[in-house]
Each structure stands twice: as structure tokens, then as C-alpha cells.
Amino acid sequence: MTRSSYVRGLTRFDKGDLSGAVADFNQAIQTQSDYAEAYFYRGLAYSDLRQMPTSKLLRHLNCMLKNNQTLVRCPARHL
């Protein structure tokens, strides 16, 4: 379920359904609290929605780094 929530979140993110993506990433994080990629993309979605202060986005990125995960992809608009 964790992986499917994450993949569904990526699909929604890519289609511009940012609120739906956040909900899916939240579900993935609830199931697996160290899911770095879900934290990362949730942070990007929140940022695009302008609903997350920079400090919280940085905490999301920090979580990703602490879990020593490598991102499979990064949307070009966020490079």
C-alpha cells in the first residue's frame, strides 16, 4: 500500500493535482515514516500550492537526506 500511495501521488503530482498528491504522499508517510521520496515530493507539492513555509520545506529535504535516499527523478521545474 505504501508504494502504491507514493506512485499514485507521483501521477497526481505530474498531472497538476497537487492536493490529491499531498493526500497520497501523506498516506505513504503514515505507513512508512522514513519514506524520503514521499517527504520530498510532498514538500514540492506544498511549495507549489504555496502552503508550506520555506522552513518546513527544508525540514522535508532534511528528512530525505537523513534517510540517505537517492531520488529516482526530480521534476525539471524544481531544478
C-alpha atoms as a PDB file:
ATOM      1  CA  MET A   1       0.000   0.000   0.000  1.00  0.00           C
ATOM      2  CA  THR A   2       2.844   2.385   0.762  1.00  0.00           C
ATOM      3  CA  ARG A   3       4.403   2.112  -2.675  1.00  0.00           C
ATOM      4  CA  SER A   4       1.032   2.356  -4.441  1.00  0.00           C
ATOM      5  CA  SER A   5       0.161   5.520  -2.483  1.00  0.00           C
ATOM      6  CA  TYR A   6       3.504   7.018  -3.446  1.00  0.00           C
ATOM      7  CA  VAL A   7       3.133   6.121  -7.136  1.00  0.00           C
ATOM      8  CA  ARG A   8      -0.434   7.453  -7.177  1.00  0.00           C
ATOM      9  CA  GLY A   9       0.898  10.660  -5.602  1.00  0.00           C
ATOM     10  CA  LEU A  10       3.533  10.991  -8.331  1.00  0.00           C
ATOM     11  CA  THR A  11       0.890  10.518 -11.013  1.00  0.00           C
ATOM     12  CA  ARG A  12      -1.314  13.195  -9.461  1.00  0.00           C
ATOM     13  CA  PHE A  13       1.686  15.475  -8.988  1.00  0.00           C
ATOM     14  CA  ASP A  14       2.636  15.136 -12.665  1.00  0.00           C
ATOM     15  CA  LYS A  15      -0.966  15.892 -13.709  1.00  0.00           C
ATOM     16  CA  GLY A  16      -1.106  19.002 -11.526  1.00  0.00           C
ATOM     17  CA  ASP A  17      -3.456  17.573  -8.888  1.00  0.00           C
ATOM     18  CA  LEU A  18      -1.266  18.828  -6.067  1.00  0.00           C
ATOM     19  CA  SER A  19      -3.823  18.491  -3.273  1.00  0.00           C
ATOM     20  CA  GLY A  20      -4.502  14.903  -4.277  1.00  0.00           C
ATOM     21  CA  ALA A  21      -0.763  14.235  -4.454  1.00  0.00           C
ATOM     22  CA  VAL A  22      -0.277  15.606  -0.932  1.00  0.00           C
ATOM     23  CA  ALA A  23      -3.005  13.286   0.360  1.00  0.00           C
ATOM     24  CA  ASP A  24      -1.327  10.271  -1.272  1.00  0.00           C
ATOM     25  CA  PHE A  25       2.130  11.224  -0.003  1.00  0.00           C
ATOM     26  CA  ASN A  26       0.668  11.706   3.487  1.00  0.00           C
ATOM     27  CA  GLN A  27      -0.751   8.197   3.324  1.00  0.00           C
ATOM     28  CA  ALA A  28       2.611   6.768   2.237  1.00  0.00           C
ATOM     29  CA  ILE A  29       4.388   8.631   5.062  1.00  0.00           C
ATOM     30  CA  GLN A  30       1.850   7.430   7.639  1.00  0.00           C
ATOM     31  CA  THR A  31       2.531   3.852   6.624  1.00  0.00           C
ATOM     32  CA  GLN A  32       6.312   4.264   6.360  1.00  0.00           C
ATOM     33  CA  SER A  33       7.602   7.237   8.343  1.00  0.00           C
ATOM     34  CA  ASP A  34      11.064   7.154   6.718  1.00  0.00           C
ATOM     35  CA  TYR A  35       9.809   7.281   3.112  1.00  0.00           C
ATOM     36  CA  ALA A  36      12.203  10.003   1.969  1.00  0.00           C
ATOM     37  CA  GLU A  37      10.865  10.348  -1.572  1.00  0.00           C
ATOM     38  CA  ALA A  38       7.325  10.864  -0.274  1.00  0.00           C
ATOM     39  CA  TYR A  39       8.573  13.624   2.035  1.00  0.00           C
ATOM     40  CA  PHE A  40      10.436  15.221  -0.846  1.00  0.00           C
ATOM     41  CA  TYR A  41       7.550  15.264  -3.289  1.00  0.00           C
ATOM     42  CA  ARG A  42       5.069  16.283  -0.588  1.00  0.00           C
ATOM     43  CA  GLY A  43       7.316  19.258   0.090  1.00  0.00           C
ATOM     44  CA  LEU A  44       7.395  20.156  -3.601  1.00  0.00           C
ATOM     45  CA  ALA A  45       3.616  19.871  -3.843  1.00  0.00           C
ATOM     46  CA  TYR A  46       3.126  22.040  -0.756  1.00  0.00           C
ATOM     47  CA  SER A  47       5.582  24.548  -2.179  1.00  0.00           C
ATOM     48  CA  ASP A  48       3.718  24.676  -5.497  1.00  0.00           C
ATOM     49  CA  LEU A  49       0.473  25.159  -3.582  1.00  0.00           C
ATOM     50  CA  ARG A  50       2.175  27.942  -1.604  1.00  0.00           C
ATOM     51  CA  GLN A  51       1.007  26.206   1.576  1.00  0.00           C
ATOM     52  CA  MET A  52       4.364  25.459   3.128  1.00  0.00           C
ATOM     53  CA  PRO A  53       6.828  27.930   4.577  1.00  0.00           C
ATOM     54  CA  THR A  54      10.404  27.526   3.401  1.00  0.00           C
ATOM     55  CA  SER A  55      11.459  26.286   6.836  1.00  0.00           C
ATOM     56  CA  LYS A  56       9.063  23.341   6.634  1.00  0.00           C
ATOM     57  CA  LEU A  57      10.187  22.538   3.091  1.00  0.00           C
ATOM     58  CA  LEU A  58      13.766  22.445   4.352  1.00  0.00           C
ATOM     59  CA  ARG A  59      12.721  20.012   7.092  1.00  0.00           C
ATOM     60  CA  HIS A  60      11.249  17.760   4.404  1.00  0.00           C
ATOM     61  CA  LEU A  61      14.518  17.847   2.474  1.00  0.00           C
ATOM     62  CA  ASN A  62      16.472  17.212   5.657  1.00  0.00           C
ATOM     63  CA  CYS A  63      14.368  14.108   6.313  1.00  0.00           C
ATOM     64  CA  MET A  64      15.205  12.854   2.856  1.00  0.00           C
ATOM     65  CA  LEU A  65      18.929  13.371   3.463  1.00  0.00           C
ATOM     66  CA  LYS A  66      18.839  11.756   6.904  1.00  0.00           C
ATOM     67  CA  ASN A  67      17.320   8.653   5.373  1.00  0.00           C
ATOM     68  CA  ASN A  68      20.183   8.597   2.856  1.00  0.00           C
ATOM     69  CA  GLN A  69      17.853   8.079  -0.065  1.00  0.00           C
ATOM     70  CA  THR A  70      18.549   8.825  -3.700  1.00  0.00           C
ATOM     71  CA  LEU A  71      15.709  10.303  -5.673  1.00  0.00           C
ATOM     72  CA  VAL A  72      14.759   8.399  -8.778  1.00  0.00           C
ATOM     73  CA  ARG A  73      13.658  11.545 -10.564  1.00  0.00           C
ATOM     74  CA  CYS A  74      13.214  15.229  -9.959  1.00  0.00           C
ATOM     75  CA  PRO A  75      10.767  17.336 -11.953  1.00  0.00           C
ATOM     76  CA  ALA A  76      12.609  19.782 -14.188  1.00  0.00           C
ATOM     77  CA  ARG A  77      10.556  22.696 -12.891  1.00  0.00           C
ATOM     78  CA  HIS A  78      12.184  22.240  -9.456  1.00  0.00           C
ATOM     79  CA  LEU A  79      15.840  22.039 -10.536  1.00  0.00           C
END
